[in-house]
Amino acid sequence: MKFNNSKKYLKQLLANLCCSKCRNDFDVDSIIIKEQEGSTFICNLRCQICGKDFGDVVLNINSKSNNHYPMDIIDGPPPITSDDVIDAHRFIKNMK
């Protein structure tokens, strides 16, 4: 399966996503293919307006399906706090 045949699927997948820096909507040109194995693509996602690099994404495009649901943002863990750093320091200090 060629990536060009998947542009309509990519448009559906990116429908809910925008750049967190400039709020530009992502489009098909925001994705650069790095590798392809069958219908699985390893791609880089980059904003076409401000250039922010969002890193690599793995897309598995099912050509047998007519509908692809838009991707959602999955938030990671909360950032560490100063208390976390102090606790880690105490833990490491007590290991000696």
N, C-alpha and C. Protein backbone atom coordinates (compact mmCIF):
# COMPACT_ATOMS: atom_id res chain seq x y z
N MET A 1 0.85 -1.19 0.00
CA MET A 1 0.00 0.00 0.00
C MET A 1 0.89 1.24 0.00
N LYS A 2 0.62 2.15 -0.87
CA LYS A 2 1.40 3.37 -0.95
C LYS A 2 0.80 4.42 -0.03
N PHE A 3 1.68 5.28 0.50
CA PHE A 3 1.26 6.34 1.41
C PHE A 3 0.33 7.33 0.71
N ASN A 4 0.58 7.62 -0.55
CA ASN A 4 -0.26 8.57 -1.28
C ASN A 4 -1.71 8.13 -1.33
N ASN A 5 -1.95 6.83 -1.38
CA ASN A 5 -3.33 6.33 -1.39
C ASN A 5 -3.99 6.49 -0.03
N SER A 6 -3.22 6.80 0.99
CA SER A 6 -3.73 6.89 2.36
C SER A 6 -3.98 8.32 2.81
N LYS A 7 -3.89 9.29 1.92
CA LYS A 7 -4.04 10.69 2.32
C LYS A 7 -5.40 10.98 2.94
N LYS A 8 -6.45 10.37 2.42
CA LYS A 8 -7.78 10.62 3.00
C LYS A 8 -7.86 10.04 4.41
N TYR A 9 -7.18 8.91 4.65
CA TYR A 9 -7.17 8.33 5.99
C TYR A 9 -6.37 9.21 6.95
N LEU A 10 -5.25 9.73 6.47
CA LEU A 10 -4.44 10.62 7.30
C LEU A 10 -5.22 11.88 7.66
N LYS A 11 -5.98 12.40 6.73
CA LYS A 11 -6.79 13.59 7.00
C LYS A 11 -7.79 13.30 8.11
N GLN A 12 -8.40 12.12 8.09
CA GLN A 12 -9.33 11.73 9.16
C GLN A 12 -8.60 11.59 10.49
N LEU A 13 -7.42 10.97 10.48
CA LEU A 13 -6.66 10.76 11.72
C LEU A 13 -6.23 12.07 12.37
N LEU A 14 -5.89 13.06 11.56
CA LEU A 14 -5.37 14.33 12.08
C LEU A 14 -6.44 15.37 12.35
N ALA A 15 -7.70 15.03 12.14
CA ALA A 15 -8.80 16.00 12.22
C ALA A 15 -8.88 16.73 13.56
N ASN A 16 -8.57 16.09 14.67
CA ASN A 16 -8.70 16.72 16.00
C ASN A 16 -7.41 17.31 16.54
N LEU A 17 -6.33 17.23 15.78
CA LEU A 17 -5.03 17.64 16.31
C LEU A 17 -4.57 18.97 15.73
N CYS A 18 -3.92 19.76 16.59
CA CYS A 18 -3.31 21.00 16.13
C CYS A 18 -2.01 21.21 16.90
N CYS A 19 -1.19 22.10 16.43
CA CYS A 19 0.09 22.41 17.05
C CYS A 19 -0.14 23.06 18.42
N SER A 20 0.56 22.58 19.44
CA SER A 20 0.41 23.14 20.77
C SER A 20 1.09 24.50 20.91
N LYS A 21 1.94 24.84 19.93
CA LYS A 21 2.66 26.12 20.00
C LYS A 21 1.90 27.23 19.27
N CYS A 22 1.49 26.98 18.03
CA CYS A 22 0.85 28.04 17.24
C CYS A 22 -0.62 27.76 16.91
N ARG A 23 -1.12 26.60 17.30
CA ARG A 23 -2.53 26.20 17.10
C ARG A 23 -2.90 25.96 15.63
N ASN A 24 -1.90 25.82 14.76
CA ASN A 24 -2.16 25.49 13.37
C ASN A 24 -2.67 24.06 13.29
N ASP A 25 -3.67 23.81 12.45
CA ASP A 25 -4.16 22.46 12.24
C ASP A 25 -3.13 21.65 11.46
N PHE A 26 -2.95 20.39 11.87
CA PHE A 26 -2.06 19.51 11.12
C PHE A 26 -2.76 19.06 9.85
N ASP A 27 -1.98 18.81 8.82
CA ASP A 27 -2.52 18.26 7.59
C ASP A 27 -1.58 17.16 7.11
N VAL A 28 -1.85 16.62 5.96
CA VAL A 28 -1.08 15.51 5.41
C VAL A 28 0.40 15.90 5.26
N ASP A 29 0.66 17.16 4.94
CA ASP A 29 2.03 17.61 4.76
C ASP A 29 2.79 17.72 6.08
N SER A 30 2.11 17.61 7.21
CA SER A 30 2.75 17.66 8.52
C SER A 30 3.44 16.35 8.86
N ILE A 31 3.17 15.31 8.09
CA ILE A 31 3.71 13.97 8.36
C ILE A 31 4.77 13.61 7.32
N ILE A 32 5.93 13.23 7.82
CA ILE A 32 7.02 12.79 6.95
C ILE A 32 7.30 11.32 7.26
N ILE A 33 7.23 10.48 6.25
CA ILE A 33 7.47 9.04 6.45
C ILE A 33 8.97 8.79 6.62
N LYS A 34 9.29 8.05 7.68
CA LYS A 34 10.68 7.64 7.90
C LYS A 34 10.88 6.19 7.49
N GLU A 35 9.89 5.35 7.81
CA GLU A 35 9.95 3.92 7.46
C GLU A 35 8.55 3.41 7.19
N GLN A 36 8.47 2.35 6.40
CA GLN A 36 7.19 1.70 6.15
C GLN A 36 7.41 0.19 6.15
N GLU A 37 6.53 -0.50 6.86
CA GLU A 37 6.51 -1.96 6.87
C GLU A 37 5.06 -2.36 6.64
N GLY A 38 4.73 -2.72 5.42
CA GLY A 38 3.34 -3.04 5.09
C GLY A 38 2.46 -1.81 5.25
N SER A 39 1.43 -1.92 6.09
CA SER A 39 0.53 -0.79 6.31
C SER A 39 0.88 0.01 7.56
N THR A 40 2.06 -0.28 8.14
CA THR A 40 2.52 0.45 9.32
C THR A 40 3.58 1.45 8.90
N PHE A 41 3.36 2.70 9.31
CA PHE A 41 4.27 3.78 8.95
C PHE A 41 4.88 4.38 10.21
N ILE A 42 6.18 4.57 10.20
CA ILE A 42 6.85 5.34 11.26
C ILE A 42 7.10 6.71 10.63
N CYS A 43 6.49 7.72 11.24
CA CYS A 43 6.51 9.05 10.65
C CYS A 43 6.96 10.09 11.68
N ASN A 44 7.37 11.22 11.16
CA ASN A 44 7.68 12.37 12.01
C ASN A 44 6.56 13.38 11.83
N LEU A 45 6.10 13.95 12.95
CA LEU A 45 5.02 14.94 12.92
C LEU A 45 5.62 16.30 13.22
N ARG A 46 5.45 17.24 12.30
CA ARG A 46 6.03 18.58 12.44
C ARG A 46 5.02 19.62 11.96
N CYS A 47 4.92 20.73 12.71
CA CYS A 47 4.03 21.82 12.32
C CYS A 47 4.59 22.52 11.08
N GLN A 48 3.74 22.72 10.09
CA GLN A 48 4.16 23.36 8.85
C GLN A 48 4.28 24.87 8.99
N ILE A 49 3.70 25.45 10.03
CA ILE A 49 3.74 26.91 10.21
C ILE A 49 4.93 27.33 11.07
N CYS A 50 5.03 26.80 12.30
CA CYS A 50 6.08 27.25 13.22
C CYS A 50 7.28 26.31 13.27
N GLY A 51 7.16 25.10 12.70
CA GLY A 51 8.27 24.17 12.64
C GLY A 51 8.47 23.31 13.87
N LYS A 52 7.57 23.40 14.87
CA LYS A 52 7.73 22.59 16.07
C LYS A 52 7.71 21.11 15.71
N ASP A 53 8.68 20.37 16.23
CA ASP A 53 8.81 18.94 15.96
C ASP A 53 8.15 18.17 17.10
N PHE A 54 7.18 17.34 16.78
CA PHE A 54 6.46 16.56 17.78
C PHE A 54 7.00 15.13 17.88
N GLY A 55 8.09 14.86 17.21
CA GLY A 55 8.70 13.54 17.29
C GLY A 55 8.04 12.55 16.36
N ASP A 56 8.33 11.30 16.63
CA ASP A 56 7.85 10.22 15.76
C ASP A 56 6.52 9.66 16.23
N VAL A 57 5.72 9.27 15.27
CA VAL A 57 4.44 8.61 15.53
C VAL A 57 4.39 7.34 14.68
N VAL A 58 3.69 6.35 15.18
CA VAL A 58 3.50 5.10 14.45
C VAL A 58 2.05 5.03 14.01
N LEU A 59 1.83 4.90 12.73
CA LEU A 59 0.48 4.83 12.18
C LEU A 59 0.29 3.48 11.50
N ASN A 60 -0.80 2.83 11.82
CA ASN A 60 -1.17 1.59 11.16
C ASN A 60 -2.47 1.88 10.43
N ILE A 61 -2.38 2.00 9.12
CA ILE A 61 -3.53 2.39 8.31
C ILE A 61 -4.16 1.15 7.71
N ASN A 62 -5.40 0.91 8.07
CA ASN A 62 -6.15 -0.25 7.59
C ASN A 62 -6.86 0.14 6.30
N SER A 63 -6.34 -0.32 5.19
CA SER A 63 -6.92 0.06 3.89
C SER A 63 -8.27 -0.60 3.65
N LYS A 64 -8.63 -1.60 4.45
CA LYS A 64 -9.92 -2.28 4.27
C LYS A 64 -11.06 -1.52 4.95
N SER A 65 -10.71 -0.58 5.83
CA SER A 65 -11.72 0.19 6.56
C SER A 65 -11.98 1.50 5.83
N ASN A 66 -13.24 1.90 5.79
CA ASN A 66 -13.59 3.18 5.17
C ASN A 66 -13.50 4.33 6.14
N ASN A 67 -13.57 4.05 7.43
CA ASN A 67 -13.52 5.10 8.45
C ASN A 67 -12.34 4.90 9.38
N HIS A 68 -11.65 5.98 9.65
CA HIS A 68 -10.58 5.99 10.63
C HIS A 68 -10.92 7.09 11.62
N TYR A 69 -10.96 6.74 12.89
CA TYR A 69 -11.31 7.71 13.90
C TYR A 69 -10.16 8.67 14.15
N PRO A 70 -10.47 9.96 14.38
CA PRO A 70 -9.41 10.92 14.66
C PRO A 70 -8.60 10.54 15.89
N MET A 71 -7.30 10.83 15.84
CA MET A 71 -6.44 10.54 16.98
C MET A 71 -6.75 11.51 18.11
N ASP A 72 -6.53 11.04 19.33
CA ASP A 72 -6.69 11.87 20.51
C ASP A 72 -5.33 12.09 21.15
N ILE A 73 -5.21 13.17 21.86
CA ILE A 73 -3.99 13.45 22.60
C ILE A 73 -4.05 12.68 23.91
N ILE A 74 -2.98 11.97 24.20
CA ILE A 74 -2.88 11.23 25.45
C ILE A 74 -1.81 11.92 26.28
N ASP A 75 -2.24 12.50 27.39
CA ASP A 75 -1.29 13.20 28.25
C ASP A 75 -0.45 12.21 29.02
N GLY A 76 0.80 12.54 29.17
CA GLY A 76 1.71 11.72 29.95
C GLY A 76 1.56 12.03 31.44
N PRO A 77 2.49 11.54 32.24
CA PRO A 77 2.43 11.80 33.67
C PRO A 77 2.67 13.29 33.94
N PRO A 78 2.22 13.76 35.11
CA PRO A 78 2.46 15.18 35.43
C PRO A 78 3.96 15.43 35.59
N PRO A 79 4.39 16.66 35.37
CA PRO A 79 5.81 16.97 35.52
C PRO A 79 6.26 16.78 36.97
N ILE A 80 7.55 16.50 37.14
CA ILE A 80 8.04 16.32 38.50
C ILE A 80 8.05 17.66 39.22
N THR A 81 7.90 17.61 40.53
CA THR A 81 7.88 18.82 41.36
C THR A 81 9.18 18.92 42.13
N SER A 82 9.37 20.05 42.79
CA SER A 82 10.56 20.21 43.62
C SER A 82 10.55 19.21 44.78
N ASP A 83 9.37 18.88 45.28
CA ASP A 83 9.27 17.86 46.34
C ASP A 83 9.73 16.49 45.83
N ASP A 84 9.42 16.17 44.58
CA ASP A 84 9.89 14.91 44.00
C ASP A 84 11.42 14.86 43.95
N VAL A 85 12.03 15.97 43.59
CA VAL A 85 13.49 16.04 43.52
C VAL A 85 14.10 15.88 44.92
N ILE A 86 13.52 16.55 45.90
CA ILE A 86 14.02 16.46 47.28
C ILE A 86 13.87 15.03 47.79
N ASP A 87 12.72 14.41 47.52
CA ASP A 87 12.51 13.02 47.95
C ASP A 87 13.54 12.09 47.30
N ALA A 88 13.80 12.28 46.02
CA ALA A 88 14.79 11.45 45.32
C ALA A 88 16.18 11.66 45.91
N HIS A 89 16.50 12.91 46.21
CA HIS A 89 17.80 13.20 46.82
C HIS A 89 17.94 12.49 48.17
N ARG A 90 16.93 12.59 48.99
CA ARG A 90 16.97 11.91 50.30
C ARG A 90 17.10 10.40 50.14
N PHE A 91 16.36 9.84 49.18
CA PHE A 91 16.41 8.40 48.95
C PHE A 91 17.81 7.96 48.55
N ILE A 92 18.42 8.69 47.61
CA ILE A 92 19.76 8.33 47.14
C ILE A 92 20.78 8.53 48.25
N LYS A 93 20.63 9.60 49.01
CA LYS A 93 21.56 9.86 50.13
C LYS A 93 21.52 8.74 51.17
N ASN A 94 20.34 8.22 51.45
CA ASN A 94 20.18 7.17 52.45
C ASN A 94 20.63 5.79 51.95
N MET A 95 20.87 5.64 50.65
CA MET A 95 21.30 4.34 50.10
C MET A 95 22.77 4.07 50.41
N LYS A 96 23.55 5.07 50.78
CA LYS A 96 24.99 4.89 51.04
C LYS A 96 25.25 4.12 52.29
